[in-house]
Amino acid sequence: MSCIFCKIISGEFPSKKVYEDESVLAFHDIKPNAPVHVLVIPKMHIESVDALDESNIDVANKALLAIPKVAALLGLKNGYRVISNCGEDGGQTVPHLHFHIIGGKKLPIKLN
């Protein structure tokens, strides 16, 4: 598979891991937008939020449940932002469902 995140999951590409279990992997973003910028991904390839259905929702749920665990490991006690981009117009650059955890400073409310 040509998906970069699937290659990270398989160990073919390196990553700076923060958390891993049987269903989820979390690692530091290579182009961080804040002092803390980590991606949480399901190990099952799901293209985006648009691809969620009854057959894979449990896997996505496990990724969502991992987010507070990862935030705690990162020491984000004052809060953080969770973002999932969907599709090209939504800013999704890797076609594998993922959640950005962004924090480590007070974040602006505006998108631009």
N, C-alpha and C. Protein backbone atom coordinates (compact mmCIF):
# COMPACT_ATOMS: atom_id res chain seq x y z
N MET A 1 0.85 -1.19 0.00
CA MET A 1 0.00 0.00 0.00
C MET A 1 0.88 1.24 0.00
N SER A 2 0.45 2.28 -0.67
CA SER A 2 1.27 3.48 -0.78
C SER A 2 0.98 4.52 0.31
N CYS A 3 0.07 4.24 1.21
CA CYS A 3 -0.29 5.17 2.28
C CYS A 3 0.88 5.33 3.26
N ILE A 4 1.33 6.56 3.43
CA ILE A 4 2.47 6.83 4.32
C ILE A 4 2.16 6.40 5.76
N PHE A 5 0.92 6.59 6.21
CA PHE A 5 0.59 6.20 7.58
C PHE A 5 0.59 4.68 7.73
N CYS A 6 0.15 3.96 6.71
CA CYS A 6 0.22 2.49 6.77
C CYS A 6 1.67 2.04 6.82
N LYS A 7 2.54 2.76 6.13
CA LYS A 7 3.97 2.43 6.16
C LYS A 7 4.57 2.74 7.53
N ILE A 8 4.10 3.77 8.19
CA ILE A 8 4.55 4.07 9.55
C ILE A 8 4.07 2.97 10.50
N ILE A 9 2.81 2.55 10.35
CA ILE A 9 2.26 1.49 11.19
C ILE A 9 3.07 0.20 11.04
N SER A 10 3.44 -0.14 9.81
CA SER A 10 4.17 -1.38 9.56
C SER A 10 5.64 -1.30 9.97
N GLY A 11 6.12 -0.09 10.26
CA GLY A 11 7.52 0.08 10.63
C GLY A 11 8.43 0.35 9.44
N GLU A 12 7.85 0.41 8.26
CA GLU A 12 8.63 0.70 7.05
C GLU A 12 9.19 2.12 7.07
N PHE A 13 8.43 3.07 7.63
CA PHE A 13 8.88 4.44 7.80
C PHE A 13 8.97 4.73 9.29
N PRO A 14 9.99 5.47 9.72
CA PRO A 14 10.13 5.77 11.14
C PRO A 14 9.13 6.84 11.60
N SER A 15 8.89 6.85 12.89
CA SER A 15 8.09 7.91 13.51
C SER A 15 8.54 8.05 14.95
N LYS A 16 8.22 9.19 15.51
CA LYS A 16 8.51 9.43 16.92
C LYS A 16 7.22 9.12 17.70
N LYS A 17 7.11 7.86 18.13
CA LYS A 17 5.89 7.37 18.76
C LYS A 17 5.67 7.98 20.15
N VAL A 18 4.39 8.22 20.42
CA VAL A 18 3.97 8.70 21.73
C VAL A 18 3.15 7.62 22.44
N TYR A 19 2.36 6.89 21.67
CA TYR A 19 1.44 5.90 22.24
C TYR A 19 1.16 4.84 21.17
N GLU A 20 1.00 3.61 21.64
CA GLU A 20 0.61 2.55 20.72
C GLU A 20 -0.11 1.47 21.49
N ASP A 21 -1.18 0.94 20.89
CA ASP A 21 -1.84 -0.26 21.39
C ASP A 21 -2.20 -1.11 20.18
N GLU A 22 -3.03 -2.12 20.37
CA GLU A 22 -3.31 -3.04 19.26
C GLU A 22 -4.08 -2.39 18.11
N SER A 23 -4.76 -1.27 18.36
CA SER A 23 -5.61 -0.65 17.34
C SER A 23 -5.19 0.74 16.91
N VAL A 24 -4.33 1.39 17.70
CA VAL A 24 -4.07 2.82 17.52
C VAL A 24 -2.57 3.10 17.62
N LEU A 25 -2.14 4.10 16.85
CA LEU A 25 -0.78 4.60 16.94
C LEU A 25 -0.84 6.12 17.03
N ALA A 26 -0.03 6.70 17.91
CA ALA A 26 0.09 8.16 18.01
C ALA A 26 1.56 8.53 17.89
N PHE A 27 1.82 9.55 17.08
CA PHE A 27 3.20 9.96 16.84
C PHE A 27 3.26 11.46 16.55
N HIS A 28 4.44 12.04 16.75
CA HIS A 28 4.64 13.47 16.52
C HIS A 28 4.54 13.80 15.04
N ASP A 29 3.86 14.89 14.73
CA ASP A 29 3.75 15.39 13.36
C ASP A 29 5.12 15.91 12.91
N ILE A 30 5.49 15.64 11.66
CA ILE A 30 6.81 16.09 11.18
C ILE A 30 6.84 17.57 10.85
N LYS A 31 5.66 18.21 10.74
CA LYS A 31 5.57 19.66 10.51
C LYS A 31 4.62 20.26 11.53
N PRO A 32 5.07 20.35 12.78
CA PRO A 32 4.16 20.79 13.85
C PRO A 32 3.69 22.24 13.68
N ASN A 33 2.43 22.46 14.07
CA ASN A 33 1.83 23.80 14.05
C ASN A 33 1.75 24.43 15.43
N ALA A 34 2.28 23.76 16.43
CA ALA A 34 2.24 24.23 17.81
C ALA A 34 3.34 23.49 18.57
N PRO A 35 3.63 23.92 19.80
CA PRO A 35 4.65 23.20 20.58
C PRO A 35 4.37 21.71 20.70
N VAL A 36 3.09 21.32 20.78
CA VAL A 36 2.71 19.91 20.79
C VAL A 36 1.80 19.69 19.59
N HIS A 37 2.19 18.76 18.72
CA HIS A 37 1.37 18.41 17.55
C HIS A 37 1.58 16.94 17.27
N VAL A 38 0.60 16.14 17.65
CA VAL A 38 0.68 14.68 17.54
C VAL A 38 -0.50 14.19 16.71
N LEU A 39 -0.26 13.15 15.94
CA LEU A 39 -1.32 12.51 15.16
C LEU A 39 -1.72 11.20 15.82
N VAL A 40 -3.01 10.96 15.91
CA VAL A 40 -3.55 9.71 16.43
C VAL A 40 -4.26 9.04 15.25
N ILE A 41 -3.82 7.81 14.92
CA ILE A 41 -4.38 7.13 13.76
C ILE A 41 -4.82 5.71 14.12
N PRO A 42 -5.91 5.25 13.50
CA PRO A 42 -6.24 3.83 13.65
C PRO A 42 -5.26 3.01 12.81
N LYS A 43 -4.94 1.83 13.28
CA LYS A 43 -4.03 0.96 12.52
C LYS A 43 -4.73 0.36 11.29
N MET A 44 -6.04 0.29 11.31
CA MET A 44 -6.79 -0.14 10.13
C MET A 44 -6.85 1.05 9.17
N HIS A 45 -6.61 0.80 7.90
CA HIS A 45 -6.70 1.89 6.92
C HIS A 45 -8.16 2.26 6.68
N ILE A 46 -8.49 3.47 7.07
CA ILE A 46 -9.80 4.08 6.81
C ILE A 46 -9.45 5.42 6.17
N GLU A 47 -9.99 5.71 5.01
CA GLU A 47 -9.55 6.88 4.26
C GLU A 47 -9.83 8.21 4.97
N SER A 48 -11.00 8.38 5.54
CA SER A 48 -11.35 9.65 6.19
C SER A 48 -12.64 9.46 6.98
N VAL A 49 -13.11 10.52 7.58
CA VAL A 49 -14.39 10.48 8.29
C VAL A 49 -15.50 10.05 7.33
N ASP A 50 -15.41 10.47 6.08
CA ASP A 50 -16.42 10.09 5.09
C ASP A 50 -16.50 8.59 4.87
N ALA A 51 -15.45 7.85 5.17
CA ALA A 51 -15.41 6.41 4.95
C ALA A 51 -15.87 5.62 6.18
N LEU A 52 -16.27 6.29 7.23
CA LEU A 52 -16.73 5.58 8.43
C LEU A 52 -18.09 4.94 8.17
N ASP A 53 -18.23 3.71 8.64
CA ASP A 53 -19.49 2.99 8.55
C ASP A 53 -19.55 1.96 9.67
N GLU A 54 -20.58 1.15 9.67
CA GLU A 54 -20.76 0.15 10.74
C GLU A 54 -19.60 -0.84 10.81
N SER A 55 -18.91 -1.08 9.70
CA SER A 55 -17.85 -2.09 9.70
C SER A 55 -16.55 -1.59 10.34
N ASN A 56 -16.38 -0.28 10.47
CA ASN A 56 -15.11 0.24 10.99
C ASN A 56 -15.26 1.25 12.12
N ILE A 57 -16.47 1.53 12.54
CA ILE A 57 -16.69 2.56 13.56
C ILE A 57 -16.04 2.19 14.89
N ASP A 58 -15.95 0.92 15.21
CA ASP A 58 -15.31 0.52 16.47
C ASP A 58 -13.83 0.87 16.47
N VAL A 59 -13.19 0.74 15.31
CA VAL A 59 -11.77 1.09 15.20
C VAL A 59 -11.59 2.60 15.37
N ALA A 60 -12.45 3.38 14.73
CA ALA A 60 -12.39 4.84 14.88
C ALA A 60 -12.65 5.24 16.33
N ASN A 61 -13.58 4.56 16.98
CA ASN A 61 -13.89 4.83 18.38
C ASN A 61 -12.66 4.59 19.27
N LYS A 62 -11.90 3.53 18.98
CA LYS A 62 -10.70 3.27 19.76
C LYS A 62 -9.68 4.39 19.59
N ALA A 63 -9.59 4.95 18.40
CA ALA A 63 -8.69 6.09 18.18
C ALA A 63 -9.16 7.30 18.99
N LEU A 64 -10.47 7.54 18.98
CA LEU A 64 -11.00 8.67 19.76
C LEU A 64 -10.76 8.47 21.25
N LEU A 65 -10.94 7.25 21.73
CA LEU A 65 -10.73 6.98 23.16
C LEU A 65 -9.26 7.11 23.55
N ALA A 66 -8.36 6.95 22.60
CA ALA A 66 -6.93 7.10 22.88
C ALA A 66 -6.52 8.56 23.03
N ILE A 67 -7.29 9.47 22.46
CA ILE A 67 -6.89 10.89 22.46
C ILE A 67 -6.66 11.44 23.87
N PRO A 68 -7.57 11.27 24.85
CA PRO A 68 -7.28 11.79 26.18
C PRO A 68 -6.08 11.12 26.85
N LYS A 69 -5.84 9.85 26.54
CA LYS A 69 -4.66 9.16 27.08
C LYS A 69 -3.39 9.80 26.54
N VAL A 70 -3.38 10.06 25.23
CA VAL A 70 -2.21 10.67 24.60
C VAL A 70 -2.01 12.09 25.13
N ALA A 71 -3.09 12.84 25.26
CA ALA A 71 -2.99 14.21 25.79
C ALA A 71 -2.41 14.20 27.20
N ALA A 72 -2.80 13.24 28.01
CA ALA A 72 -2.25 13.14 29.37
C ALA A 72 -0.77 12.80 29.32
N LEU A 73 -0.37 11.87 28.44
CA LEU A 73 1.05 11.54 28.30
C LEU A 73 1.88 12.74 27.87
N LEU A 74 1.26 13.64 27.10
CA LEU A 74 1.95 14.83 26.60
C LEU A 74 1.91 15.98 27.60
N GLY A 75 1.20 15.80 28.72
CA GLY A 75 1.14 16.84 29.75
C GLY A 75 0.24 18.01 29.39
N LEU A 76 -0.74 17.79 28.55
CA LEU A 76 -1.63 18.87 28.13
C LEU A 76 -2.75 19.06 29.16
N LYS A 77 -2.41 19.67 30.28
CA LYS A 77 -3.35 19.83 31.39
C LYS A 77 -4.31 21.00 31.22
N ASN A 78 -3.92 22.00 30.43
CA ASN A 78 -4.76 23.19 30.25
C ASN A 78 -5.64 23.10 29.03
N GLY A 79 -5.61 22.00 28.32
CA GLY A 79 -6.46 21.82 27.15
C GLY A 79 -5.66 21.63 25.88
N TYR A 80 -6.37 21.30 24.83
CA TYR A 80 -5.78 21.03 23.53
C TYR A 80 -6.88 21.04 22.49
N ARG A 81 -6.49 21.02 21.24
CA ARG A 81 -7.44 20.99 20.14
C ARG A 81 -7.32 19.65 19.42
N VAL A 82 -8.46 19.12 18.99
CA VAL A 82 -8.49 17.89 18.19
C VAL A 82 -9.10 18.25 16.84
N ILE A 83 -8.39 17.90 15.78
CA ILE A 83 -8.84 18.22 14.42
C ILE A 83 -8.75 16.97 13.56
N SER A 84 -9.75 16.75 12.74
CA SER A 84 -9.69 15.73 11.70
C SER A 84 -10.12 16.38 10.39
N ASN A 85 -9.19 16.55 9.49
CA ASN A 85 -9.49 17.12 8.19
C ASN A 85 -10.09 16.03 7.30
N CYS A 86 -11.00 16.43 6.42
CA CYS A 86 -11.69 15.45 5.57
C CYS A 86 -11.71 15.96 4.14
N GLY A 87 -10.99 15.26 3.26
CA GLY A 87 -10.97 15.62 1.85
C GLY A 87 -10.03 16.77 1.54
N GLU A 88 -9.79 16.93 0.26
CA GLU A 88 -8.84 17.95 -0.21
C GLU A 88 -9.23 19.36 0.23
N ASP A 89 -10.49 19.73 0.06
CA ASP A 89 -10.93 21.08 0.46
C ASP A 89 -10.90 21.26 1.97
N GLY A 90 -10.96 20.17 2.71
CA GLY A 90 -10.88 20.23 4.17
C GLY A 90 -9.45 20.24 4.68
N GLY A 91 -8.49 20.13 3.78
CA GLY A 91 -7.09 20.19 4.18
C GLY A 91 -6.46 18.84 4.47
N GLN A 92 -7.14 17.73 4.14
CA GLN A 92 -6.57 16.41 4.39
C GLN A 92 -5.48 16.13 3.36
N THR A 93 -4.26 15.90 3.83
CA THR A 93 -3.13 15.65 2.93
C THR A 93 -2.73 14.18 2.87
N VAL A 94 -3.13 13.40 3.86
CA VAL A 94 -2.87 11.96 3.86
C VAL A 94 -4.21 11.25 3.92
N PRO A 95 -4.53 10.41 2.93
CA PRO A 95 -5.83 9.74 2.90
C PRO A 95 -5.91 8.54 3.84
N HIS A 96 -5.74 8.81 5.12
CA HIS A 96 -5.87 7.82 6.19
C HIS A 96 -6.44 8.59 7.37
N LEU A 97 -7.55 8.13 7.91
CA LEU A 97 -8.19 8.82 9.02
C LEU A 97 -7.17 9.13 10.11
N HIS A 98 -7.13 10.38 10.54
CA HIS A 98 -6.23 10.75 11.62
C HIS A 98 -6.77 11.96 12.36
N PHE A 99 -6.36 12.04 13.61
CA PHE A 99 -6.77 13.13 14.49
C PHE A 99 -5.53 13.86 14.96
N HIS A 100 -5.51 15.16 14.74
CA HIS A 100 -4.41 16.00 15.22
C HIS A 100 -4.71 16.40 16.66
N ILE A 101 -3.76 16.23 17.55
CA ILE A 101 -3.82 16.80 18.90
C ILE A 101 -2.84 17.96 18.88
N ILE A 102 -3.36 19.16 19.09
CA ILE A 102 -2.54 20.36 19.01
C ILE A 102 -2.67 21.11 20.33
N GLY A 103 -1.53 21.48 20.92
CA GLY A 103 -1.57 22.20 22.18
C GLY A 103 -0.20 22.66 22.61
N GLY A 104 -0.08 22.87 23.90
CA GLY A 104 1.18 23.34 24.45
C GLY A 104 1.28 24.85 24.54
N LYS A 105 0.22 25.53 24.11
CA LYS A 105 0.13 26.98 24.23
C LYS A 105 -1.34 27.35 24.06
N LYS A 106 -1.68 28.59 24.38
CA LYS A 106 -3.05 29.06 24.17
C LYS A 106 -3.25 29.21 22.67
N LEU A 107 -4.24 28.52 22.14
CA LEU A 107 -4.49 28.51 20.70
C LEU A 107 -5.51 29.58 20.31
N PRO A 108 -5.32 30.20 19.16
CA PRO A 108 -6.31 31.19 18.69
C PRO A 108 -7.61 30.49 18.33
N ILE A 109 -8.70 31.22 18.45
CA ILE A 109 -10.01 30.65 18.14
C ILE A 109 -10.27 30.70 16.63
N LYS A 110 -9.81 31.72 15.96
CA LYS A 110 -10.05 31.86 14.53
C LYS A 110 -9.28 30.82 13.72
N LEU A 111 -9.85 30.41 12.60
CA LEU A 111 -9.17 29.47 11.71
C LEU A 111 -8.11 30.15 10.86
N ASN A 112 -8.25 31.41 10.59
CA ASN A 112 -7.25 32.09 9.74
C ASN A 112 -6.68 33.31 10.40
